[in-house]
Structures are given as C-alpha cells and as structure tokens.
C-alpha cells in the first residue's frame, strides 16, 4: 500500500493515473519460522516520494552498496 506522505521529507506523494504504477519497499525482518507459526521482528520504511528515493539511491551507492537495476512487467 502506498503511503500518503513521504517518511523522509514529509511532502505528499503524488498519485498517477489509473495505469501508472509505483512500488517502494524497504523491509528487514528476522525470526523463527515453524510449520505451526513463527515470530519475526524487524523494521520497514513505509514510503518515500520519488525525489527522496533518488536521494536514497545516491546515498546507498556512495556508501558502496550495489544497486541492481530491475525491470518489472505486469
């Protein structure tokens, strides 16, 4: 689900027309997984605006983290 406001800068995240898609996900979790259930704990960033996504990518690359380009086809 897309958030209404950016978690970094706080500005409203623009929504596109009905055929535009946008997905953002930063999530980390760790825990135990058993057939009858399990427990995980972690953290996530709900959503960033497009400008902050670009800034985050630059920060990650500058820190030496490899960014893998992807293509998604619906």
Protein backbone atom coordinates (compact mmCIF):
# COMPACT_ATOMS: atom_id res chain seq x y z
CA UNK A 1 0.00 0.00 0.00
CA UNK A 2 1.31 3.43 -0.90
CA UNK A 3 1.54 5.97 1.89
CA UNK A 4 0.08 9.44 1.50
CA UNK A 5 3.16 11.28 2.79
CA UNK A 6 6.90 10.71 2.41
CA UNK A 7 8.57 9.24 5.51
CA UNK A 8 11.71 11.32 4.88
CA UNK A 9 10.69 14.82 3.77
CA UNK A 10 7.01 14.73 4.71
CA UNK A 11 5.66 16.01 1.39
CA UNK A 12 2.57 14.48 -0.18
CA UNK A 13 3.34 11.59 -2.53
CA UNK A 14 1.84 12.22 -5.95
CA UNK A 15 -0.51 9.58 -7.30
CA UNK A 16 -0.60 8.85 -11.00
CA UNK A 17 -3.42 7.93 -13.32
CA UNK A 18 -5.04 4.51 -13.22
CA UNK A 19 -2.38 2.90 -15.47
CA UNK A 20 0.66 4.25 -13.64
CA UNK A 21 2.22 2.04 -11.04
CA UNK A 22 4.68 2.81 -8.28
CA UNK A 23 6.12 0.48 -5.68
CA UNK A 24 8.57 1.20 -2.89
CA UNK A 25 9.75 -1.27 -0.28
CA UNK A 26 12.47 -1.30 2.37
CA UNK A 27 11.91 -4.08 4.87
CA UNK A 28 14.08 -6.15 7.19
CA UNK A 29 12.86 -8.96 9.41
CA UNK A 30 14.46 -11.81 11.31
CA UNK A 31 12.99 -14.57 13.43
CA UNK A 32 11.90 -18.19 13.59
CA UNK A 33 9.65 -19.97 11.14
CA UNK A 34 7.85 -23.17 12.05
CA UNK A 35 5.02 -25.04 10.28
CA UNK A 36 2.62 -24.07 13.08
CA UNK A 37 3.72 -20.43 13.05
CA UNK A 38 6.64 -18.29 13.96
CA UNK A 39 7.81 -14.94 15.17
CA UNK A 40 9.62 -12.20 13.32
CA UNK A 41 10.70 -8.75 14.30
CA UNK A 42 12.23 -6.06 12.17
CA UNK A 43 11.60 -2.67 10.63
CA UNK A 44 10.41 -1.04 7.44
CA UNK A 45 10.13 2.32 5.72
CA UNK A 46 6.54 2.76 4.62
CA UNK A 47 7.12 5.00 1.60
CA UNK A 48 9.29 7.75 0.14
CA UNK A 49 8.47 10.29 -2.55
CA UNK A 50 10.26 9.97 -5.89
CA UNK A 51 12.78 12.70 -5.03
CA UNK A 52 13.72 11.01 -1.75
CA UNK A 53 14.00 7.62 -3.48
CA UNK A 54 16.56 9.20 -5.84
CA UNK A 55 18.41 10.74 -2.85
CA UNK A 56 18.41 7.40 -1.01
CA UNK A 57 19.80 5.60 -4.05
CA UNK A 58 22.64 8.13 -4.26
CA UNK A 59 23.41 7.69 -0.54
CA UNK A 60 23.45 3.89 -0.89
CA UNK A 61 25.70 3.96 -3.95
CA UNK A 62 28.06 6.48 -2.30
CA UNK A 63 28.28 4.10 0.69
CA UNK A 64 29.37 1.28 -1.63
CA UNK A 65 26.10 -0.64 -1.67
CA UNK A 66 25.41 -2.30 -5.03
CA UNK A 67 22.14 -1.34 -6.69
CA UNK A 68 20.73 -3.90 -9.10
CA UNK A 69 18.56 -2.45 -11.89
CA UNK A 70 15.37 -4.44 -12.47
CA UNK A 71 12.54 -4.49 -14.98
CA UNK A 72 9.03 -5.41 -13.96
CA UNK A 73 6.36 -6.50 -16.42
CA UNK A 74 2.73 -6.69 -15.42
